[in-house]
N, C-alpha and C. Protein backbone atom coordinates (compact mmCIF):
# COMPACT_ATOMS: atom_id res chain seq x y z
N MET A 1 -15.44 16.04 -30.35
CA MET A 1 -15.12 15.06 -31.37
C MET A 1 -13.70 15.30 -31.88
N ASP A 2 -13.00 14.22 -32.15
CA ASP A 2 -11.64 14.32 -32.70
C ASP A 2 -11.67 14.89 -34.10
N ASP A 3 -10.55 15.53 -34.49
CA ASP A 3 -10.41 15.93 -35.89
C ASP A 3 -10.48 14.70 -36.76
N ILE A 4 -10.88 14.90 -38.01
CA ILE A 4 -10.99 13.77 -38.94
C ILE A 4 -9.61 13.29 -39.40
N ALA A 5 -8.63 14.21 -39.42
CA ALA A 5 -7.28 13.85 -39.86
C ALA A 5 -6.28 14.79 -39.21
N TYR A 6 -5.08 14.29 -39.01
CA TYR A 6 -3.98 15.06 -38.44
C TYR A 6 -2.78 14.95 -39.37
N ILE A 7 -2.04 16.01 -39.55
CA ILE A 7 -0.83 15.97 -40.36
C ILE A 7 0.24 15.23 -39.57
N ALA A 8 0.69 14.10 -40.11
CA ALA A 8 1.70 13.29 -39.42
C ALA A 8 3.09 13.51 -40.01
N GLY A 9 3.14 13.96 -41.25
CA GLY A 9 4.43 14.21 -41.88
C GLY A 9 4.24 14.87 -43.23
N ARG A 10 5.26 15.62 -43.64
CA ARG A 10 5.22 16.27 -44.94
C ARG A 10 6.64 16.58 -45.37
N ARG A 11 6.88 16.43 -46.67
CA ARG A 11 8.21 16.74 -47.19
C ARG A 11 8.11 16.91 -48.70
N THR A 12 9.06 17.63 -49.26
CA THR A 12 9.14 17.69 -50.70
C THR A 12 9.79 16.39 -51.16
N SER A 13 9.47 15.99 -52.37
CA SER A 13 9.94 14.69 -52.83
C SER A 13 10.16 14.71 -54.33
N ASN A 14 11.03 13.83 -54.78
CA ASN A 14 11.23 13.55 -56.19
C ASN A 14 10.79 12.10 -56.35
N TYR A 15 9.63 11.89 -56.92
CA TYR A 15 8.94 10.61 -56.88
C TYR A 15 8.88 9.95 -58.24
N GLN A 16 8.99 8.63 -58.24
CA GLN A 16 8.85 7.86 -59.47
C GLN A 16 7.84 6.75 -59.21
N GLN A 17 6.86 6.64 -60.08
CA GLN A 17 5.81 5.62 -59.94
C GLN A 17 6.12 4.43 -60.83
N TYR A 18 5.96 3.23 -60.31
CA TYR A 18 6.14 2.02 -61.10
C TYR A 18 4.78 1.50 -61.55
N ARG A 19 4.69 1.22 -62.83
CA ARG A 19 3.45 0.72 -63.42
C ARG A 19 3.34 -0.79 -63.19
N PRO A 20 2.14 -1.34 -63.36
CA PRO A 20 1.95 -2.79 -63.16
C PRO A 20 2.86 -3.65 -64.04
N ASP A 21 3.26 -3.13 -65.20
CA ASP A 21 4.13 -3.91 -66.09
C ASP A 21 5.61 -3.82 -65.72
N GLY A 22 5.92 -3.07 -64.65
CA GLY A 22 7.29 -2.95 -64.18
C GLY A 22 8.04 -1.75 -64.72
N SER A 23 7.49 -1.08 -65.72
CA SER A 23 8.14 0.13 -66.23
C SER A 23 7.90 1.29 -65.26
N ALA A 24 8.71 2.30 -65.38
CA ALA A 24 8.63 3.43 -64.44
C ALA A 24 8.29 4.72 -65.18
N THR A 25 7.64 5.61 -64.47
CA THR A 25 7.38 6.95 -65.00
C THR A 25 8.65 7.79 -64.84
N ASP A 26 8.66 8.95 -65.44
CA ASP A 26 9.72 9.91 -65.17
C ASP A 26 9.60 10.35 -63.72
N PHE A 27 10.70 10.87 -63.16
CA PHE A 27 10.64 11.41 -61.81
C PHE A 27 9.79 12.69 -61.81
N MET A 28 9.00 12.86 -60.75
CA MET A 28 8.13 14.02 -60.61
C MET A 28 8.45 14.72 -59.29
N ASP A 29 8.64 16.04 -59.34
CA ASP A 29 8.80 16.81 -58.11
C ASP A 29 7.42 17.06 -57.51
N GLY A 30 7.32 17.00 -56.19
CA GLY A 30 6.03 17.24 -55.55
C GLY A 30 6.15 17.20 -54.05
N VAL A 31 5.03 17.01 -53.41
CA VAL A 31 4.92 17.01 -51.95
C VAL A 31 4.40 15.65 -51.50
N MET A 32 5.07 15.05 -50.53
CA MET A 32 4.64 13.79 -49.93
C MET A 32 4.00 14.16 -48.58
N ILE A 33 2.74 13.74 -48.40
CA ILE A 33 2.01 14.08 -47.18
C ILE A 33 1.57 12.80 -46.50
N GLU A 34 1.77 12.76 -45.19
CA GLU A 34 1.30 11.63 -44.39
C GLU A 34 0.23 12.16 -43.43
N LEU A 35 -0.98 11.59 -43.52
CA LEU A 35 -2.07 11.98 -42.64
C LEU A 35 -2.38 10.83 -41.68
N PHE A 36 -2.67 11.18 -40.44
CA PHE A 36 -3.13 10.20 -39.46
C PHE A 36 -4.63 10.38 -39.32
N ILE A 37 -5.37 9.28 -39.44
CA ILE A 37 -6.82 9.29 -39.30
C ILE A 37 -7.19 8.34 -38.16
N PRO A 38 -7.78 8.88 -37.09
CA PRO A 38 -8.14 8.02 -35.97
C PRO A 38 -9.15 6.95 -36.39
N ASP A 39 -9.04 5.77 -35.83
CA ASP A 39 -9.99 4.70 -36.13
C ASP A 39 -11.44 5.16 -35.93
N THR A 40 -11.64 6.00 -34.93
CA THR A 40 -12.99 6.47 -34.63
C THR A 40 -13.56 7.36 -35.73
N ARG A 41 -12.72 7.87 -36.63
CA ARG A 41 -13.19 8.76 -37.69
C ARG A 41 -13.04 8.17 -39.09
N SER A 42 -12.44 6.99 -39.22
CA SER A 42 -12.15 6.45 -40.55
C SER A 42 -13.41 6.24 -41.40
N GLU A 43 -14.51 5.88 -40.79
CA GLU A 43 -15.74 5.68 -41.56
C GLU A 43 -16.37 7.01 -41.99
N ASP A 44 -15.92 8.11 -41.39
CA ASP A 44 -16.48 9.43 -41.70
C ASP A 44 -15.82 10.10 -42.91
N ILE A 45 -14.71 9.58 -43.40
CA ILE A 45 -13.92 10.26 -44.43
C ILE A 45 -14.76 10.67 -45.63
N ASP A 46 -15.58 9.78 -46.13
CA ASP A 46 -16.35 10.08 -47.34
C ASP A 46 -17.86 10.13 -47.05
N ARG A 47 -18.21 10.46 -45.81
CA ARG A 47 -19.62 10.44 -45.41
C ARG A 47 -20.41 11.60 -46.02
N ASN A 48 -19.79 12.78 -46.09
CA ASN A 48 -20.51 13.93 -46.64
C ASN A 48 -19.52 15.01 -47.09
N ASP A 49 -20.06 16.04 -47.73
CA ASP A 49 -19.19 17.10 -48.27
C ASP A 49 -18.40 17.83 -47.20
N ALA A 50 -18.98 18.04 -46.03
CA ALA A 50 -18.27 18.75 -44.95
C ALA A 50 -17.03 17.97 -44.53
N ASN A 51 -17.15 16.66 -44.42
CA ASN A 51 -16.00 15.84 -44.03
C ASN A 51 -14.93 15.83 -45.13
N ARG A 52 -15.36 15.76 -46.38
CA ARG A 52 -14.38 15.81 -47.48
C ARG A 52 -13.66 17.15 -47.49
N ARG A 53 -14.37 18.23 -47.22
CA ARG A 53 -13.72 19.55 -47.15
C ARG A 53 -12.74 19.62 -45.99
N GLU A 54 -13.06 18.97 -44.88
CA GLU A 54 -12.15 18.96 -43.73
C GLU A 54 -10.84 18.24 -44.07
N VAL A 55 -10.93 17.11 -44.77
CA VAL A 55 -9.73 16.38 -45.19
C VAL A 55 -8.94 17.21 -46.20
N THR A 56 -9.63 17.82 -47.15
CA THR A 56 -8.98 18.68 -48.13
C THR A 56 -8.26 19.83 -47.46
N ALA A 57 -8.87 20.42 -46.44
CA ALA A 57 -8.24 21.53 -45.71
C ALA A 57 -6.97 21.08 -45.01
N LYS A 58 -6.96 19.87 -44.47
CA LYS A 58 -5.75 19.34 -43.82
C LYS A 58 -4.64 19.14 -44.84
N ILE A 59 -4.98 18.64 -46.02
CA ILE A 59 -3.98 18.44 -47.07
C ILE A 59 -3.41 19.78 -47.50
N LYS A 60 -4.29 20.77 -47.71
CA LYS A 60 -3.83 22.12 -48.09
C LYS A 60 -2.93 22.71 -47.00
N GLU A 61 -3.30 22.52 -45.74
CA GLU A 61 -2.49 23.01 -44.62
C GLU A 61 -1.08 22.41 -44.67
N ALA A 62 -1.00 21.11 -44.95
CA ALA A 62 0.31 20.44 -45.01
C ALA A 62 1.14 20.98 -46.16
N ILE A 63 0.53 21.19 -47.32
CA ILE A 63 1.25 21.73 -48.48
C ILE A 63 1.71 23.16 -48.21
N ASP A 64 0.82 23.98 -47.67
CA ASP A 64 1.15 25.38 -47.41
C ASP A 64 2.24 25.54 -46.35
N SER A 65 2.35 24.57 -45.43
CA SER A 65 3.34 24.69 -44.37
C SER A 65 4.75 24.38 -44.83
N LEU A 66 4.89 23.84 -46.05
CA LEU A 66 6.24 23.57 -46.57
C LEU A 66 6.80 24.86 -47.04
């Protein structure tokens, strides 16, 4: 079986979020992570705790690799 998610990209970022009213938040330092999820696994993302832990582990792996 394919992995549930693959790290497609990661970088540090200085991010600003725009609210629905058009105003902006302050800039926030953080990590931008891009995950690839195969179509064959997309329905499995929130199926059970084991799958959620697998996705969480991929996110942690991406953060730790920076």
